[in-house]
Amino acid sequence: MSVSPSSAAIGTHNLALWLQPLISPVLEHNFFDVFKAKIENVRSSLFAELSMGTEPVGDRFRFVIELGRHIFAAEVTFVWSDPTIPPEFFFCNPEFDPPVEALSEYVNWDSSDHQCLLKLLRALFAKYREFQISYCYSYDALRRQIDSLMGDHSFDCHSNMFACLNKDTGEVGFIFRIPLKDIVELPAVLVPERDEHKAFLLVGCDAYGAHVASVEVLLSPSLDQYNLVQVELVCFYVFSFQNVITNVRLPKMNHTIGEYVSDVASLLKERIVEFTKNLEMRTAFVRLIGTLEGVENVHVVEPLLNQVTYDYEYEDFRVRVTIDFPIDSNKNCVSVKVGILSAKDQGALPFLREGNFQAQLTADLTPKDKVELLQLELDRTLSSLKRHVAMYMKPPPSYEEVMSLPGASSSNGKSPSI
């Protein structure tokens, strides 16, 4: 089972003008913090089609949320000529028959509030979630699996669980929302303002034997919806954070679902604690670099300190050093590039001589030890570069020096013809 946010909807421009502002918040919303909705098959009532004017008259559509292999869908019908009347819903699952007209979001419908449709759909989606969980409880094997969640008090399992049961195939998918703030303190660098991180544990089961068939961990897509002005930075957060929670060794199959949730939460906590510790070590390392004698113009790529660039005086040379840290902070190997910019009394060189090396800065080393190890490798590389530069900068031999070389002159004392 896999879940990915659905793309934005199609054909919204065909909707009635008054309806379009109500749809936009729906398409931007993450249902259960992970699922995107879409609308399909936008069409018009006969009354709307016969109306005068050139405005779009779409007043009904199919509303869909893809839940892995499961779909929550409904036909939604408005009255084109009267926005004050709330919509009717015809759900694709005939067994799902919620009391729509009793919902406060339906009773208090106000089309001047552009959030009114989203509020109503969220209420219906919550009802559908309750319906599915009750549906799962009708199977003894699944009831035991769900009851296994009750022993974990680290967070509210019930409110953070979504179940999708396919009655025809017997397949059931559980999605568990794990608010990371409830299990571990996240480093500030991983929590952009106004955002909250969650991990999602996906467990596929067989409704009859309740055997676990597949397990997957996903990161909340909420970061993708963060301020578009910072989209590059946000992508960086997502990429970096995914490296924290991917490659997690999951428990063996056929655990109870409760054991999966508990074990995965513990593993995530362990990885994030490691990430935080390594980030603190990296911060101390970069700070020490800036205190070294001869180091100037230190530039650090924020927010995860993945690259440090600085200028460095080495004997008669001015060099530029670039240190690239691995994106996965749990890896120890750093790549270093060194370029000689200028030589004393000669100014900028007419060429750029570069050297590269890698250093293993293992976790058992202190930041000071890491800096000393890096300096040792750096000096060794610069010593080699210095010899190359000296050979290149050596002036060409004079005519007399060339002529003094063995075999440079003929026996009659004349220079050999060229």
Protein backbone atom coordinates (compact mmCIF):
# COMPACT_ATOMS: atom_id res chain seq x y z
CA MET A 1 0.00 0.00 0.00
CA SER A 2 1.30 3.46 -0.79
CA VAL A 3 -0.09 6.92 -0.35
CA SER A 4 0.84 10.06 -2.16
CA PRO A 5 -0.89 13.40 -2.19
CA SER A 6 -3.17 13.76 -5.16
CA SER A 7 -2.60 16.53 -7.65
CA ALA A 8 -4.78 19.63 -7.76
CA ALA A 9 -8.08 19.28 -9.45
CA ILE A 10 -9.06 19.51 -13.06
CA GLY A 11 -11.65 21.69 -14.74
CA THR A 12 -12.44 24.09 -11.89
CA HIS A 13 -12.79 26.92 -14.42
CA ASN A 14 -16.04 25.28 -15.57
CA LEU A 15 -17.64 25.79 -12.16
CA ALA A 16 -20.06 28.62 -11.49
CA LEU A 17 -18.19 31.78 -10.52
CA TRP A 18 -19.65 31.86 -7.01
CA LEU A 19 -18.63 28.23 -6.46
CA GLN A 20 -14.98 28.57 -7.49
CA PRO A 21 -13.86 30.40 -4.29
CA LEU A 22 -15.43 27.61 -2.22
CA ILE A 23 -13.46 24.94 -4.07
CA SER A 24 -9.99 26.49 -3.73
CA PRO A 25 -9.61 25.90 0.05
CA VAL A 26 -10.76 22.30 -0.44
CA LEU A 27 -8.05 21.58 -3.01
CA GLU A 28 -5.37 23.18 -0.84
CA HIS A 29 -6.30 21.21 2.27
CA ASN A 30 -4.56 18.02 3.44
CA PHE A 31 -7.25 15.67 4.74
CA PHE A 32 -5.90 13.70 7.70
CA ASP A 33 -2.75 15.78 7.07
CA VAL A 34 -1.71 13.62 4.13
CA PHE A 35 -4.44 13.22 1.50
CA LYS A 36 -5.22 15.72 -1.25
CA ALA A 37 -8.71 15.97 -2.70
CA LYS A 38 -9.58 16.46 -6.34
CA ILE A 39 -12.75 17.11 -8.29
CA GLU A 40 -13.76 15.34 -11.47
CA ASN A 41 -16.57 15.34 -13.99
CA VAL A 42 -17.66 18.96 -13.56
CA ARG A 43 -21.05 19.41 -15.19
CA SER A 44 -24.20 21.52 -15.14
CA SER A 45 -27.83 20.99 -14.28
CA LEU A 46 -30.35 21.32 -17.09
CA PHE A 47 -31.68 24.52 -15.53
CA ALA A 48 -28.20 26.04 -15.51
CA GLU A 49 -27.52 25.01 -19.10
CA LEU A 50 -30.75 26.66 -20.25
CA SER A 51 -29.97 29.88 -18.41
CA MET A 52 -28.94 32.99 -20.30
CA GLY A 53 -25.40 34.38 -20.29
CA THR A 54 -21.87 33.26 -21.04
CA GLU A 55 -20.65 32.57 -17.50
CA PRO A 56 -19.56 29.01 -16.54
CA VAL A 57 -22.49 27.13 -15.05
CA GLY A 58 -20.93 24.02 -13.49
CA ASP A 59 -22.84 23.25 -10.31
CA ARG A 60 -22.09 19.56 -9.70
CA PHE A 61 -19.00 17.38 -9.67
CA ARG A 62 -17.42 14.22 -8.30
CA PHE A 63 -15.35 14.76 -5.14
CA VAL A 64 -12.53 12.23 -4.64
CA ILE A 65 -9.89 11.53 -2.00
CA GLU A 66 -7.52 8.69 -2.85
CA LEU A 67 -6.58 6.69 0.25
CA GLY A 68 -3.95 4.36 -1.13
CA ARG A 69 -5.95 1.61 -2.85
CA HIS A 70 -9.15 2.90 -1.32
CA ILE A 71 -11.24 5.86 -2.49
CA PHE A 72 -13.58 8.15 -0.62
CA ALA A 73 -15.84 9.67 -3.28
CA ALA A 74 -19.17 11.44 -3.56
CA GLU A 75 -21.25 13.19 -6.17
CA VAL A 76 -21.77 16.78 -4.97
CA THR A 77 -24.73 18.76 -6.30
CA PHE A 78 -25.44 22.47 -5.81
CA VAL A 79 -28.38 24.63 -6.84
CA TRP A 80 -26.80 26.89 -9.46
CA SER A 81 -29.26 29.75 -8.96
CA ASP A 82 -29.14 29.81 -5.14
CA PRO A 83 -25.75 29.66 -3.32
CA THR A 84 -27.50 29.84 0.06
CA ILE A 85 -28.68 26.23 -0.30
CA PRO A 86 -26.04 23.73 0.90
CA PRO A 87 -25.07 20.90 -1.45
CA GLU A 88 -26.46 17.39 -1.62
CA PHE A 89 -24.12 14.39 -1.38
CA PHE A 90 -24.45 10.98 -3.03
CA PHE A 91 -21.70 8.76 -1.63
CA CYS A 92 -20.13 6.03 -3.75
CA ASN A 93 -20.10 3.65 -0.78
CA PRO A 94 -23.81 2.80 -0.42
CA GLU A 95 -23.31 1.64 3.17
CA PHE A 96 -22.05 5.06 4.23
CA ASP A 97 -25.12 7.15 5.01
CA PRO A 98 -24.19 9.93 7.46
CA PRO A 99 -26.79 12.37 8.86
CA VAL A 100 -25.61 15.21 6.61
CA GLU A 101 -28.49 17.58 7.36
CA ALA A 102 -27.89 17.25 11.11
CA LEU A 103 -24.29 18.43 10.91
CA SER A 104 -23.71 21.93 12.26
CA GLU A 105 -21.60 22.70 9.19
CA TYR A 106 -24.65 21.96 7.04
CA VAL A 107 -27.12 23.81 9.27
CA ASN A 108 -24.87 26.88 9.41
CA TRP A 109 -24.03 26.90 5.70
CA ASP A 110 -22.97 30.37 4.58
CA SER A 111 -21.66 30.66 1.02
CA SER A 112 -20.15 34.08 1.78
CA ASP A 113 -17.64 32.18 3.94
CA HIS A 114 -15.21 30.65 1.46
CA GLN A 115 -14.32 27.97 4.03
CA CYS A 116 -17.89 26.69 4.34
CA LEU A 117 -17.54 23.84 1.84
CA LEU A 118 -14.21 22.75 3.32
CA LYS A 119 -15.74 22.70 6.81
CA LEU A 120 -18.61 20.53 5.62
CA LEU A 121 -16.34 18.13 3.73
CA ARG A 122 -14.00 17.82 6.70
CA ALA A 123 -16.96 16.92 8.91
CA LEU A 124 -18.11 14.30 6.40
CA PHE A 125 -14.60 12.90 6.05
CA ALA A 126 -14.41 12.58 9.85
CA LYS A 127 -17.72 10.69 9.79
CA TYR A 128 -16.35 8.41 7.09
CA ARG A 129 -13.26 7.73 9.18
CA GLU A 130 -15.46 6.73 12.13
CA PHE A 131 -17.57 4.57 9.81
CA GLN A 132 -14.50 2.72 8.52
CA ILE A 133 -13.09 2.08 12.00
CA SER A 134 -16.47 0.69 13.13
CA TYR A 135 -16.53 -1.40 9.98
CA CYS A 136 -13.14 -2.89 10.87
CA TYR A 137 -14.39 -3.70 14.36
CA SER A 138 -16.93 -6.07 12.82
CA TYR A 139 -14.04 -8.45 12.03
CA ASP A 140 -12.68 -10.28 15.07
CA ALA A 141 -9.11 -10.41 13.76
CA LEU A 142 -9.08 -6.69 13.03
CA ARG A 143 -10.67 -5.90 16.38
CA ARG A 144 -7.73 -7.59 18.12
CA GLN A 145 -5.31 -5.60 15.99
CA ILE A 146 -7.01 -2.29 16.77
CA ASP A 147 -7.23 -3.15 20.47
CA SER A 148 -3.47 -3.73 20.45
CA LEU A 149 -3.08 0.03 19.98
CA MET A 150 -4.63 0.85 23.29
CA GLY A 151 -1.52 -0.09 25.26
CA ASP A 152 0.56 2.70 23.73
CA HIS A 153 -0.05 5.90 25.66
CA SER A 154 2.71 7.96 24.02
CA PHE A 155 0.03 9.59 21.86
CA ASP A 156 -3.66 9.21 21.09
CA CYS A 157 -3.63 6.25 18.71
CA HIS A 158 -7.35 6.27 18.03
CA SER A 159 -7.57 9.88 16.84
CA ASN A 160 -4.40 9.41 14.80
CA MET A 161 -5.56 6.28 12.97
CA PHE A 162 -7.31 5.93 9.64
CA ALA A 163 -8.57 2.57 8.36
CA CYS A 164 -9.72 1.62 4.87
CA LEU A 165 -11.41 -1.76 4.48
CA ASN A 166 -12.29 -3.21 1.09
CA LYS A 167 -15.16 -5.58 1.78
CA ASP A 168 -14.82 -7.31 -1.60
CA THR A 169 -11.11 -8.15 -1.40
CA GLY A 170 -10.63 -8.30 2.37
CA GLU A 171 -7.72 -5.87 2.11
CA VAL A 172 -7.43 -3.28 4.83
CA GLY A 173 -5.01 -0.43 5.04
CA PHE A 174 -4.18 1.35 8.28
CA ILE A 175 -2.60 4.79 8.25
CA PHE A 176 -1.17 6.00 11.54
CA ARG A 177 -0.35 9.63 12.04
CA ILE A 178 2.55 9.94 14.47
CA PRO A 179 3.00 13.53 15.70
CA LEU A 180 6.75 13.62 16.17
CA LYS A 181 6.55 16.37 18.77
CA ASP A 182 4.82 13.86 21.04
CA ILE A 183 7.71 11.39 20.99
CA VAL A 184 10.83 13.56 20.71
CA GLU A 185 11.92 17.18 20.80
CA LEU A 186 12.65 18.19 17.22
CA PRO A 187 15.62 20.46 16.47
CA ALA A 188 14.44 23.91 15.45
CA VAL A 189 16.04 23.54 12.04
CA LEU A 190 13.49 20.85 11.16
CA VAL A 191 10.45 22.83 12.25
CA PRO A 192 9.71 25.84 10.03
CA GLU A 193 7.51 28.47 11.60
CA ARG A 194 3.79 27.62 11.72
CA ASP A 195 4.41 24.05 10.64
CA GLU A 196 4.34 20.73 12.42
CA HIS A 197 6.02 17.53 11.37
CA LYS A 198 4.36 14.15 11.38
CA ALA A 199 5.40 10.74 10.23
CA PHE A 200 2.89 8.36 8.72
CA LEU A 201 3.04 4.62 9.26
CA LEU A 202 1.21 2.64 6.60
CA VAL A 203 0.30 -0.96 7.41
CA GLY A 204 -1.42 -3.28 4.95
CA CYS A 205 -3.37 -6.23 6.36
CA ASP A 206 -5.65 -9.10 5.47
CA ALA A 207 -9.03 -8.55 7.09
CA TYR A 208 -9.60 -12.25 7.69
CA GLY A 209 -6.28 -13.34 9.14
CA ALA A 210 -5.08 -9.81 9.96
CA HIS A 211 -1.59 -10.74 8.79
CA VAL A 212 0.58 -7.73 8.18
CA ALA A 213 1.46 -7.62 4.48
CA SER A 214 3.41 -4.38 4.10
CA VAL A 215 4.78 -1.53 6.15
CA GLU A 216 5.94 1.89 4.99
CA VAL A 217 6.92 5.16 6.66
CA LEU A 218 6.09 8.50 5.02
CA LEU A 219 6.82 12.09 5.91
CA SER A 220 4.00 14.58 6.23
CA PRO A 221 3.63 16.56 2.99
CA SER A 222 2.62 19.66 4.93
CA LEU A 223 6.00 21.24 4.21
CA ASP A 224 5.17 21.27 0.52
CA GLN A 225 2.39 23.73 1.31
CA TYR A 226 4.64 26.08 3.29
CA ASN A 227 5.32 29.66 2.17
CA LEU A 228 6.10 29.53 -1.56
CA VAL A 229 8.61 32.33 -1.13
CA GLN A 230 10.79 29.82 0.70
CA VAL A 231 10.07 26.87 -1.57
CA GLU A 232 13.74 26.03 -2.15
CA LEU A 233 14.45 26.09 1.56
CA VAL A 234 11.36 24.02 2.26
CA CYS A 235 12.41 21.37 -0.25
CA PHE A 236 15.76 21.33 1.52
CA TYR A 237 14.02 20.70 4.83
CA VAL A 238 11.99 17.89 3.35
CA PHE A 239 14.96 16.24 1.65
CA SER A 240 17.10 16.47 4.77
CA PHE A 241 14.39 15.26 7.09
CA GLN A 242 13.53 12.32 4.87
CA ASN A 243 17.10 11.18 5.32
CA VAL A 244 16.40 11.03 9.03
CA ILE A 245 13.41 8.72 8.79
CA THR A 246 14.08 6.65 5.68
CA ASN A 247 16.12 3.48 5.78
CA VAL A 248 14.61 2.73 9.17
CA ARG A 249 14.79 -0.97 9.95
CA LEU A 250 11.19 -1.88 10.55
CA PRO A 251 10.09 -4.71 12.85
CA LYS A 252 9.50 -8.17 11.46
CA MET A 253 6.17 -9.01 9.88
CA ASN A 254 3.23 -10.43 11.81
CA HIS A 255 3.64 -8.18 14.83
CA THR A 256 0.42 -6.66 16.07
CA ILE A 257 -0.29 -3.22 14.68
CA GLY A 258 0.18 -1.79 18.16
CA GLU A 259 3.71 -3.20 18.25
CA TYR A 260 4.44 -1.67 14.86
CA VAL A 261 3.31 1.78 15.94
CA SER A 262 5.28 1.59 19.18
CA ASP A 263 8.43 0.18 17.55
CA VAL A 264 8.42 2.62 14.65
CA ALA A 265 7.85 5.56 16.99
CA SER A 266 10.85 4.41 19.04
CA LEU A 267 12.99 4.02 15.92
CA LEU A 268 12.03 7.47 14.68
CA LYS A 269 12.88 8.92 18.06
CA GLU A 270 16.28 7.22 18.00
CA ARG A 271 17.08 8.51 14.51
CA ILE A 272 16.01 12.06 15.28
CA VAL A 273 18.04 12.10 18.50
CA GLU A 274 21.07 10.97 16.47
CA PHE A 275 20.35 13.65 13.90
CA THR A 276 20.14 16.34 16.58
CA LYS A 277 23.36 15.21 18.24
CA ASN A 278 25.25 15.14 14.95
CA LEU A 279 23.91 18.56 14.00
CA GLU A 280 25.16 19.96 17.31
CA MET A 281 28.59 18.40 16.67
CA ARG A 282 28.65 19.87 13.18
CA THR A 283 27.76 23.30 14.56
CA ALA A 284 30.64 23.12 17.06
CA PHE A 285 33.01 21.96 14.30
CA VAL A 286 32.09 24.88 12.04
CA ARG A 287 32.45 27.30 14.94
CA LEU A 288 36.00 26.04 15.60
CA ILE A 289 36.92 26.41 11.93
CA GLY A 290 36.16 30.12 12.22
CA THR A 291 38.61 30.50 15.12
CA LEU A 292 41.63 29.03 13.30
CA GLU A 293 44.55 31.33 12.61
CA GLY A 294 44.61 32.59 9.04
CA VAL A 295 40.96 31.73 8.34
CA GLU A 296 38.80 34.48 6.81
CA ASN A 297 35.53 34.95 4.93
CA VAL A 298 33.78 31.93 6.42
CA HIS A 299 30.51 31.19 4.61
CA VAL A 300 28.13 28.48 5.84
CA VAL A 301 25.20 27.07 3.86
CA GLU A 302 22.20 27.11 6.18
CA PRO A 303 20.19 25.59 7.70
CA LEU A 304 21.88 22.21 8.05
CA LEU A 305 25.49 23.38 7.59
CA ASN A 306 25.99 21.11 4.61
CA GLN A 307 28.80 23.22 3.18
CA VAL A 308 31.45 25.53 4.61
CA THR A 309 33.68 27.75 2.48
CA TYR A 310 36.54 29.88 3.78
CA ASP A 311 39.80 31.54 2.73
CA TYR A 312 42.99 30.39 4.40
CA GLU A 313 46.56 31.70 4.52
CA TYR A 314 49.04 28.88 4.00
CA GLU A 315 52.68 30.00 3.97
CA ASP A 316 53.01 32.18 0.84
CA PHE A 317 49.64 31.22 -0.60
CA ARG A 318 46.04 32.27 -0.15
CA VAL A 319 43.74 29.32 -0.67
CA ARG A 320 40.02 28.68 -0.72
CA VAL A 321 38.71 25.65 1.12
CA THR A 322 35.27 24.13 0.53
CA ILE A 323 34.03 21.42 2.87
CA ASP A 324 30.96 19.42 1.81
CA PHE A 325 29.24 17.45 4.55
CA PRO A 326 26.99 14.51 3.64
CA ILE A 327 23.28 15.34 3.56
CA ASP A 328 22.70 12.37 5.84
CA SER A 329 24.19 13.67 9.08
CA ASN A 330 24.79 10.11 10.27
CA LYS A 331 27.51 9.61 7.67
CA ASN A 332 31.05 10.57 8.61
CA CYS A 333 32.86 11.18 5.32
CA VAL A 334 33.37 14.82 4.27
CA SER A 335 34.65 15.97 0.88
CA VAL A 336 37.16 18.82 0.79
CA LYS A 337 38.18 20.90 -2.23
CA VAL A 338 41.20 23.20 -2.03
CA GLY A 339 42.05 25.87 -4.60
CA ILE A 340 45.08 28.18 -4.56
CA LEU A 341 43.91 31.73 -5.28
CA SER A 342 47.11 33.76 -5.12
CA ALA A 343 50.77 33.65 -4.17
CA LYS A 344 52.66 36.21 -2.08
CA ASP A 345 54.39 38.95 -4.13
CA GLN A 346 52.80 37.57 -7.31
CA GLY A 347 49.11 38.32 -6.83
CA ALA A 348 46.46 36.23 -8.50
CA LEU A 349 47.77 33.23 -10.36
CA PRO A 350 47.02 32.89 -14.09
CA PHE A 351 45.59 29.45 -13.37
CA LEU A 352 43.71 27.69 -10.60
CA ARG A 353 45.42 24.71 -9.08
CA GLU A 354 42.98 22.52 -7.12
CA GLY A 355 43.21 19.48 -4.94
CA ASN A 356 40.56 17.20 -3.44
CA PHE A 357 40.50 14.78 -0.57
CA GLN A 358 38.06 13.03 1.73
CA ALA A 359 38.28 12.78 5.49
CA GLN A 360 36.55 10.35 7.84
CA LEU A 361 35.34 12.41 10.80
CA THR A 362 33.91 9.62 12.92
CA ALA A 363 31.37 10.18 15.67
CA ASP A 364 33.83 9.22 18.43
CA LEU A 365 35.99 12.28 17.66
CA THR A 366 35.38 15.57 19.43
CA PRO A 367 34.88 18.70 17.29
CA LYS A 368 38.45 19.74 18.18
CA ASP A 369 39.82 16.35 17.09
CA LYS A 370 37.91 16.63 13.82
CA VAL A 371 39.34 20.08 13.10
CA GLU A 372 42.88 18.89 13.84
CA LEU A 373 42.43 15.86 11.58
CA LEU A 374 41.06 18.06 8.83
CA GLN A 375 43.96 20.51 9.17
CA LEU A 376 46.46 17.66 8.94
CA GLU A 377 44.93 16.43 5.68
CA LEU A 378 44.62 19.99 4.43
CA ASP A 379 48.29 20.80 5.03
CA ARG A 380 49.32 17.57 3.33
CA THR A 381 47.27 18.43 0.25
CA LEU A 382 48.53 22.02 0.20
CA SER A 383 52.12 20.86 0.43
CA SER A 384 51.60 18.81 -2.71
CA LEU A 385 49.87 21.71 -4.46
CA LYS A 386 52.71 24.04 -3.49
CA ARG A 387 55.23 21.83 -5.31
CA HIS A 388 53.07 21.85 -8.44
CA VAL A 389 52.71 25.63 -8.32
CA ALA A 390 56.45 26.11 -7.77
CA MET A 391 57.19 24.03 -10.85
CA TYR A 392 54.68 25.97 -12.92
CA MET A 393 55.91 29.38 -11.71
CA LYS A 394 59.60 28.60 -12.23
CA PRO A 395 60.89 30.96 -14.97
CA PRO A 396 62.01 29.34 -18.25
CA PRO A 397 65.78 28.70 -18.58
CA SER A 398 67.92 31.34 -20.29
CA TYR A 399 69.62 30.77 -23.65
CA GLU A 400 72.95 30.27 -21.92
CA GLU A 401 71.45 27.66 -19.59
CA VAL A 402 69.97 25.79 -22.51
CA MET A 403 73.23 25.90 -24.43
CA SER A 404 75.11 24.59 -21.43
CA LEU A 405 73.11 21.40 -21.41
CA PRO A 406 74.88 18.30 -22.77
CA GLY A 407 74.26 17.85 -26.49
CA ALA A 408 72.86 21.36 -26.88
CA SER A 409 75.81 22.47 -29.18
CA SER A 410 77.36 20.85 -32.25
CA SER A 411 81.05 19.94 -32.43
CA ASN A 412 81.92 23.08 -34.47
CA GLY A 413 80.49 25.30 -31.77
CA LYS A 414 77.40 26.28 -33.76
CA SER A 415 73.93 25.77 -32.52
CA PRO A 416 72.19 22.81 -34.07
CA SER A 417 69.77 23.73 -36.81
CA ILE A 418 66.12 23.49 -35.94
